[in-house]
Amino acid sequence: MKHTIIILLFVTLFITSCTEKPVQNSGLPEILLKKSQDILPISSFVENLDYLELKVNEAKIELGDILTIKKLDGDLIILQRRAREISFIRFTQKGDFINTIVSNDEGSGRIKKPLDIITYQNGFAVLAEDGIYLVGKDGKYKSKLISAKMPGTQFFESNNRFYVVNDVPGYGLYSLYSPNTKVKKVSFPEERLKDLGRSNLAAVGAKNISLVSSYSDTVFAYNNTTFEPEYLIESDGYPSFAEMWRNTGDKNDIETLKYIHNTHHSKIKSYFENKHYIFITYWLGSHQTSALIKKESWETMYFSEAVNNIDGGIWDNPSFLSQQNELYIPITAYKVSGHKISDKRHNEFEKVQLHIAATGNPVLMRCQLK
């Protein structure tokens, strides 16, 4: 049960957390999650687009499903899963393969379940289920910095301390770890309860970081020392997942699961933010909606589907929002070849189809927001 989760106790390593309850401050901007049935042409919010080919066949490697995309030190870092293999692969901004940084299927096998990666000490720090590791830019294992079962799947570093964004109930928004410090064993909730909160936790940007949690109705921003409430999240006609969780009371694990699954509620699926935009995909009951917010004017566009009317190509789920206002959307070679252009006024995508059919390489669609 959520009230019996053990709190981490240690000496120099400590945990701190933001409040899980909504911040009672009407002066904060509100992100309104509301249902939309609109089908929008992407030209209404995308200025132009291009395609970045990931040249994996030339490098004689295979790429599976792209789970996340990051930009680190000017390079693109792809987290991919292919069968049982999970790995971080580094590409140039032109799509040329550099190296595999971490793989649970290659090398020493010390990092079995890599989750997230950041730059650290002239190399990379890698978050895994059993701790945090130091890896060189050449992909060679160096050391294990933190040994502990991790309560989250994303993290960042500030002042030589690691902030792991929690996606298990009872821990607040984040846990704070110092390197080379022992951690007492942690008891986690029942696995299905843990998985309920994983979909919408986010650490956004290398220097401009916002935290969004299933267990809070507030977006928090990090200011180099602490987190401050930045936006409130409101749901139009639905209780939020955080509100439902607070209402579970003393229900046991099975009763909690039934209550959440049987009650329509709102929940953020993905959250991206930079200096100018917020892009959110969320569920209201069983209905998925996306919202694009221009932060300067707070103008918001809601849509349930988007149609690529710029070149007749594909629109899919964005995986990354760059500081240059580009939405990155991974597209597999299979989706490219199988796409049928319904709008005959635009056939530019046919050139991409012919090229990808010849190479079999996946592409990243980059959409420049207006």
Protein backbone atom coordinates (compact mmCIF):
# COMPACT_ATOMS: atom_id res chain seq x y z
CA MET A 1 0.00 0.00 0.00
CA LYS A 2 1.14 3.52 -0.73
CA HIS A 3 1.23 4.52 2.96
CA THR A 4 3.73 1.80 3.79
CA ILE A 5 6.43 2.66 1.25
CA ILE A 6 9.72 2.97 3.10
CA ILE A 7 11.42 6.38 2.97
CA LEU A 8 15.12 6.37 2.09
CA LEU A 9 17.30 7.05 5.13
CA PHE A 10 20.98 7.80 4.76
CA VAL A 11 23.67 10.23 5.97
CA THR A 12 25.13 12.33 3.16
CA LEU A 13 22.69 11.01 0.62
CA PHE A 14 19.25 12.47 1.12
CA ILE A 15 15.88 12.79 -0.50
CA THR A 16 13.94 15.97 -0.97
CA SER A 17 10.62 16.40 -2.72
CA CYS A 18 8.17 18.99 -3.90
CA THR A 19 4.63 18.89 -2.62
CA GLU A 20 2.34 16.42 -4.35
CA LYS A 21 -0.76 18.55 -3.80
CA PRO A 22 -1.86 21.32 -6.16
CA VAL A 23 -0.28 24.68 -5.37
CA GLN A 24 -2.94 27.12 -4.21
CA ASN A 25 -1.74 30.13 -6.16
CA SER A 26 -4.14 31.69 -8.63
CA GLY A 27 -1.34 33.86 -9.98
CA LEU A 28 0.25 30.93 -11.79
CA PRO A 29 -0.61 30.26 -15.46
CA GLU A 30 -2.92 27.30 -15.96
CA ILE A 31 -2.47 24.49 -18.46
CA LEU A 32 -5.99 23.40 -19.33
CA LEU A 33 -6.44 19.82 -20.51
CA LYS A 34 -9.63 19.73 -22.56
CA LYS A 35 -11.04 17.32 -25.10
CA SER A 36 -10.80 18.13 -28.78
CA GLN A 37 -12.21 16.37 -31.84
CA ASP A 38 -10.41 18.68 -34.26
CA ILE A 39 -8.33 17.35 -37.15
CA LEU A 40 -5.76 20.03 -37.96
CA PRO A 41 -3.49 20.44 -40.97
CA ILE A 42 0.02 20.72 -39.57
CA SER A 43 0.53 23.89 -41.65
CA SER A 44 -1.54 25.65 -38.97
CA PHE A 45 1.33 25.29 -36.50
CA VAL A 46 4.33 23.99 -38.51
CA GLU A 47 6.29 26.45 -40.67
CA ASN A 48 8.35 23.89 -42.58
CA LEU A 49 9.77 20.40 -42.17
CA ASP A 50 12.60 18.20 -43.30
CA TYR A 51 13.83 14.63 -42.76
CA LEU A 52 17.01 13.50 -41.05
CA GLU A 53 18.07 10.05 -42.18
CA LEU A 54 19.78 7.92 -39.54
CA LYS A 55 22.45 6.10 -41.55
CA VAL A 56 22.40 2.78 -39.70
CA ASN A 57 22.77 0.50 -42.73
CA GLU A 58 25.95 2.28 -43.78
CA ALA A 59 27.30 1.63 -40.27
CA LYS A 60 26.11 -2.01 -40.43
CA ILE A 61 23.96 -1.73 -37.33
CA GLU A 62 20.25 -2.25 -36.75
CA LEU A 63 17.85 0.12 -35.05
CA GLY A 64 14.64 -0.98 -33.36
CA ASP A 65 11.90 1.17 -31.85
CA ILE A 66 13.09 4.67 -30.98
CA LEU A 67 12.02 5.32 -27.39
CA THR A 68 13.52 8.75 -26.74
CA ILE A 69 15.66 11.39 -28.48
CA LYS A 70 18.10 13.79 -26.85
CA LYS A 71 20.68 16.35 -27.94
CA LEU A 72 23.89 16.15 -25.90
CA ASP A 73 27.01 18.18 -26.77
CA GLY A 74 25.64 18.82 -30.24
CA ASP A 75 25.00 15.15 -31.03
CA LEU A 76 21.76 13.20 -31.23
CA ILE A 77 21.38 10.41 -28.67
CA ILE A 78 18.80 7.75 -29.51
CA LEU A 79 17.45 5.32 -26.93
CA GLN A 80 16.28 2.30 -28.90
CA ARG A 81 14.84 -1.14 -28.17
CA ARG A 82 15.24 -4.08 -30.53
CA ALA A 83 13.97 -7.40 -29.22
CA ARG A 84 15.69 -7.64 -25.81
CA GLU A 85 18.42 -5.16 -26.63
CA ILE A 86 18.20 -1.65 -25.14
CA SER A 87 20.91 0.81 -26.11
CA PHE A 88 21.92 4.45 -26.42
CA ILE A 89 23.30 5.22 -29.89
CA ARG A 90 25.03 8.48 -30.82
CA PHE A 91 24.64 10.20 -34.20
CA THR A 92 25.87 13.48 -35.64
CA GLN A 93 23.30 16.13 -36.45
CA LYS A 94 23.62 14.97 -40.06
CA GLY A 95 22.54 11.45 -39.07
CA ASP A 96 25.95 9.76 -39.31
CA PHE A 97 26.59 6.98 -36.79
CA ILE A 98 29.25 7.79 -34.16
CA ASN A 99 29.12 4.96 -31.66
CA THR A 100 27.00 2.88 -29.31
CA ILE A 101 27.39 4.40 -25.85
CA VAL A 102 25.57 1.81 -23.77
CA SER A 103 23.98 -1.52 -24.61
CA ASN A 104 22.61 -4.23 -22.36
CA ASP A 105 23.46 -6.72 -25.09
CA GLU A 106 27.09 -5.81 -25.78
CA GLY A 107 30.39 -5.34 -23.99
CA SER A 108 30.77 -5.95 -20.28
CA GLY A 109 27.02 -6.16 -19.67
CA ARG A 110 27.41 -4.17 -16.48
CA ILE A 111 24.48 -1.89 -17.35
CA LYS A 112 21.59 -4.28 -17.82
CA LYS A 113 18.63 -1.89 -18.04
CA PRO A 114 19.69 1.61 -19.13
CA LEU A 115 16.94 4.22 -18.76
CA ASP A 116 18.36 7.71 -19.31
CA ILE A 117 21.62 9.46 -20.16
CA ILE A 118 23.21 12.89 -19.53
CA THR A 119 26.64 14.47 -20.07
CA TYR A 120 28.90 14.21 -17.02
CA GLN A 121 32.67 14.58 -16.38
CA ASN A 122 33.81 14.55 -20.03
CA GLY A 123 31.63 11.52 -20.65
CA PHE A 124 28.13 10.35 -19.82
CA ALA A 125 26.21 9.41 -16.69
CA VAL A 126 23.69 6.63 -17.32
CA LEU A 127 20.65 5.96 -15.17
CA ALA A 128 19.76 2.28 -14.86
CA GLU A 129 17.33 0.33 -12.70
CA ASP A 130 20.09 -0.58 -10.25
CA GLY A 131 21.98 2.72 -10.05
CA ILE A 132 23.90 5.43 -11.91
CA TYR A 133 26.99 4.67 -14.02
CA LEU A 134 29.85 6.66 -15.55
CA VAL A 135 30.65 5.87 -19.21
CA GLY A 136 33.21 7.46 -21.53
CA LYS A 137 32.28 9.10 -24.81
CA ASP A 138 33.83 6.09 -26.50
CA GLY A 139 31.22 3.91 -24.81
CA LYS A 140 33.66 2.26 -22.41
CA TYR A 141 32.43 1.53 -18.91
CA LYS A 142 34.28 3.51 -16.21
CA SER A 143 32.58 3.11 -12.84
CA LYS A 144 29.35 2.84 -10.89
CA LEU A 145 28.59 6.15 -9.20
CA ILE A 146 25.45 5.22 -7.25
CA SER A 147 24.36 1.73 -6.27
CA ALA A 148 20.62 1.62 -5.53
CA LYS A 149 17.37 0.54 -7.05
CA MET A 150 16.15 3.69 -8.77
CA PRO A 151 12.64 5.09 -8.15
CA GLY A 152 12.41 6.75 -11.57
CA THR A 153 13.31 6.53 -15.25
CA GLN A 154 14.72 10.04 -15.90
CA PHE A 155 17.33 12.18 -14.17
CA PHE A 156 19.59 15.21 -14.35
CA GLU A 157 22.68 16.51 -12.54
CA SER A 158 23.34 19.81 -10.78
CA ASN A 159 26.26 20.75 -8.51
CA ASN A 160 27.52 17.14 -8.63
CA ARG A 161 24.25 15.76 -7.31
CA PHE A 162 21.83 13.59 -9.25
CA TYR A 163 18.10 14.31 -9.26
CA VAL A 164 16.12 11.19 -10.15
CA VAL A 165 12.59 12.10 -11.20
CA ASN A 166 10.34 9.73 -9.28
CA ASP A 167 7.59 7.76 -10.94
CA VAL A 168 6.56 5.72 -7.93
CA PRO A 169 4.00 6.94 -5.38
CA GLY A 170 5.08 8.16 -1.97
CA TYR A 171 8.36 9.79 -2.99
CA GLY A 172 7.30 13.28 -4.03
CA LEU A 173 8.69 14.47 -7.35
CA TYR A 174 12.35 13.57 -7.14
CA SER A 175 15.07 11.85 -5.12
CA LEU A 176 18.49 13.41 -4.63
CA TYR A 177 21.68 11.32 -4.68
CA SER A 178 25.35 12.11 -4.06
CA PRO A 179 28.07 9.99 -5.74
CA ASN A 180 29.98 7.30 -3.87
CA THR A 181 27.46 7.11 -1.03
CA LYS A 182 25.79 3.94 0.14
CA VAL A 183 22.03 3.76 0.01
CA LYS A 184 19.82 1.64 2.20
CA LYS A 185 17.54 -0.87 0.54
CA VAL A 186 14.27 0.60 -0.66
CA SER A 187 10.91 -1.16 -0.75
CA PHE A 188 8.85 -0.35 -3.83
CA PRO A 189 5.08 -0.62 -4.31
CA GLU A 190 3.44 -3.42 -6.21
CA GLU A 191 4.81 -3.31 -9.77
CA ARG A 192 1.50 -2.55 -11.46
CA LEU A 193 0.95 0.43 -9.15
CA LYS A 194 4.46 1.66 -9.96
CA ASP A 195 3.82 1.40 -13.69
CA LEU A 196 0.65 3.51 -13.46
CA GLY A 197 2.63 6.71 -12.96
CA ARG A 198 5.38 6.27 -15.51
CA SER A 199 3.91 7.77 -18.64
CA ASN A 200 4.21 11.50 -18.02
CA LEU A 201 7.30 12.17 -15.93
CA ALA A 202 9.69 14.54 -17.64
CA ALA A 203 12.97 16.35 -17.16
CA VAL A 204 13.10 18.92 -19.94
CA GLY A 205 16.25 20.56 -21.28
CA ALA A 206 19.86 20.56 -20.14
CA LYS A 207 19.68 23.91 -18.33
CA ASN A 208 15.97 24.74 -18.38
CA ILE A 209 14.37 21.89 -16.42
CA SER A 210 10.71 21.35 -15.65
CA LEU A 211 9.23 18.42 -13.74
CA VAL A 212 5.81 16.97 -14.46
CA SER A 213 4.49 14.17 -12.29
CA SER A 214 1.53 11.85 -12.34
CA TYR A 215 1.19 12.53 -8.63
CA SER A 216 0.97 16.33 -8.81
CA ASP A 217 -1.25 18.87 -10.58
CA THR A 218 1.62 21.36 -10.82
CA VAL A 219 4.58 21.80 -13.16
CA PHE A 220 7.74 22.69 -11.24
CA ALA A 221 10.79 24.54 -12.62
CA TYR A 222 14.33 24.07 -11.29
CA ASN A 223 16.28 27.27 -10.57
CA ASN A 224 19.72 25.73 -9.84
CA THR A 225 19.00 25.16 -6.15
CA THR A 226 15.32 24.38 -5.63
CA PHE A 227 12.09 23.79 -7.52
CA GLU A 228 9.39 26.44 -7.78
CA PRO A 229 5.80 25.99 -9.02
CA GLU A 230 5.55 27.23 -12.59
CA TYR A 231 2.12 26.20 -13.95
CA LEU A 232 -1.05 24.64 -12.60
CA ILE A 233 -2.66 21.78 -14.52
CA GLU A 234 -6.44 21.77 -14.75
CA SER A 235 -8.63 19.11 -16.37
CA ASP A 236 -11.86 20.01 -18.13
CA GLY A 237 -14.56 17.78 -16.62
CA TYR A 238 -12.30 14.96 -15.43
CA PRO A 239 -10.48 14.31 -12.16
CA SER A 240 -6.72 14.20 -12.59
CA PHE A 241 -4.68 11.07 -11.90
CA ALA A 242 -3.10 12.93 -8.95
CA GLU A 243 -6.52 13.77 -7.53
CA MET A 244 -7.64 10.16 -7.85
CA TRP A 245 -4.47 8.92 -6.19
CA ARG A 246 -5.02 11.20 -3.21
CA ASN A 247 -8.54 9.80 -2.91
CA THR A 248 -7.48 6.15 -2.79
CA GLY A 249 -7.18 6.37 0.99
CA ASP A 250 -6.52 3.02 2.66
CA LYS A 251 -7.48 0.87 -0.33
CA ASN A 252 -5.19 -2.12 -0.85
CA ASP A 253 -3.25 -2.64 -4.07
CA ILE A 254 -6.01 -4.52 -5.89
CA GLU A 255 -8.73 -2.07 -4.82
CA THR A 256 -6.53 0.87 -5.89
CA LEU A 257 -5.97 -0.63 -9.33
CA LYS A 258 -9.70 -1.30 -9.81
CA TYR A 259 -10.62 2.21 -8.66
CA ILE A 260 -8.18 3.88 -11.07
CA HIS A 261 -8.96 1.66 -14.05
CA ASN A 262 -12.74 1.96 -13.58
CA THR A 263 -12.83 5.75 -13.16
CA HIS A 264 -12.39 8.08 -16.15
CA HIS A 265 -9.65 10.60 -15.42
CA SER A 266 -7.06 12.80 -17.08
CA LYS A 267 -3.41 11.85 -17.46
CA ILE A 268 -0.50 13.38 -19.34
CA LYS A 269 1.15 10.98 -21.79
CA SER A 270 4.05 13.20 -22.89
CA TYR A 271 5.23 16.70 -22.02
CA PHE A 272 7.81 18.80 -23.90
CA GLU A 273 8.83 22.36 -23.13
CA ASN A 274 11.39 24.92 -24.27
CA LYS A 275 11.64 28.71 -23.96
CA HIS A 276 8.82 29.34 -26.42
CA TYR A 277 6.48 26.33 -26.49
CA ILE A 278 4.81 23.59 -24.48
CA PHE A 279 3.64 20.51 -26.35
CA ILE A 280 1.48 18.01 -24.45
CA THR A 281 -0.29 14.80 -25.34
CA TYR A 282 -2.78 13.56 -22.78
CA TRP A 283 -5.74 11.31 -22.15
CA LEU A 284 -9.18 12.43 -21.00
CA GLY A 285 -10.94 9.19 -20.24
CA SER A 286 -10.22 7.09 -23.34
CA HIS A 287 -9.80 10.09 -25.67
CA GLN A 288 -6.33 11.34 -26.65
CA THR A 289 -5.75 15.03 -27.33
CA SER A 290 -2.65 17.10 -28.07
CA ALA A 291 -2.14 20.74 -27.09
CA LEU A 292 0.44 23.22 -28.36
CA ILE A 293 0.90 26.30 -26.18
CA LYS A 294 2.76 29.45 -27.26
CA LYS A 295 4.20 30.64 -23.96
CA GLU A 296 4.50 34.31 -24.94
CA SER A 297 0.77 34.77 -25.61
CA TRP A 298 -0.51 31.56 -23.96
CA GLU A 299 -2.41 30.85 -27.18
CA THR A 300 -3.33 27.16 -27.20
CA MET A 301 -4.17 24.87 -30.12
CA TYR A 302 -5.99 21.62 -29.33
CA PHE A 303 -6.34 18.71 -31.75
CA SER A 304 -7.08 15.00 -31.69
CA GLU A 305 -5.38 14.29 -35.03
CA ALA A 306 -2.97 16.12 -37.31
CA VAL A 307 -2.63 15.72 -41.08
CA ASN A 308 0.61 16.44 -42.91
CA ASN A 309 -0.57 18.80 -45.63
CA ILE A 310 2.90 20.25 -46.22
CA ASP A 311 4.43 17.41 -48.21
CA GLY A 312 1.77 14.69 -47.98
CA GLY A 313 3.86 12.68 -45.52
CA ILE A 314 3.31 11.23 -42.09
CA TRP A 315 2.44 12.79 -38.75
CA ASP A 316 3.23 10.69 -35.68
CA ASN A 317 3.99 11.12 -31.98
CA PRO A 318 6.75 13.70 -31.26
CA SER A 319 9.65 12.45 -29.13
CA PHE A 320 11.67 15.64 -28.60
CA LEU A 321 11.30 19.44 -28.71
CA SER A 322 14.60 21.21 -29.38
CA GLN A 323 15.62 24.67 -28.21
CA GLN A 324 15.39 25.65 -31.90
CA ASN A 325 11.60 25.02 -31.78
CA GLU A 326 11.83 21.78 -33.77
CA LEU A 327 9.60 18.82 -33.01
CA TYR A 328 11.41 15.55 -33.72
CA ILE A 329 9.18 12.67 -34.83
CA PRO A 330 10.77 9.24 -35.41
CA ILE A 331 9.48 7.34 -38.43
CA THR A 332 10.49 3.78 -39.22
CA ALA A 333 11.34 2.65 -42.73
CA TYR A 334 8.25 0.41 -42.55
CA LYS A 335 5.94 3.37 -41.89
CA VAL A 336 7.58 5.40 -44.66
CA SER A 337 7.14 2.66 -47.25
CA GLY A 338 3.59 1.84 -46.17
CA HIS A 339 2.30 5.42 -46.19
CA LYS A 340 -0.22 6.33 -48.87
CA ILE A 341 -0.49 9.98 -49.83
CA SER A 342 -4.18 10.88 -49.80
CA ASP A 343 -3.75 14.56 -50.68
CA LYS A 344 -2.74 14.52 -54.34
CA ARG A 345 -1.85 18.22 -54.22
CA HIS A 346 1.27 17.25 -52.27
CA ASN A 347 3.55 14.46 -53.45
CA GLU A 348 6.95 15.63 -52.19
CA PHE A 349 7.02 12.77 -49.67
CA GLU A 350 7.30 10.28 -52.54
CA LYS A 351 10.99 11.20 -52.90
CA VAL A 352 11.58 10.25 -49.26
CA GLN A 353 9.74 6.96 -49.79
CA LEU A 354 11.85 6.01 -52.78
CA HIS A 355 15.12 6.80 -51.01
CA ILE A 356 14.22 5.02 -47.75
CA ALA A 357 12.95 2.01 -49.68
CA ALA A 358 16.43 1.71 -51.17
CA THR A 359 18.34 2.13 -47.88
CA GLY A 360 15.94 0.82 -45.21
CA ASN A 361 17.12 3.57 -42.87
CA PRO A 362 14.73 5.19 -40.34
CA VAL A 363 14.23 8.94 -40.44
CA LEU A 364 13.51 11.70 -37.95
CA MET A 365 10.95 14.19 -39.20
CA ARG A 366 11.81 17.69 -37.96
CA CYS A 367 8.95 20.14 -37.81
CA GLN A 368 9.81 23.81 -37.37
CA LEU A 369 7.07 25.39 -35.26
CA LYS A 370 5.66 28.76 -36.27
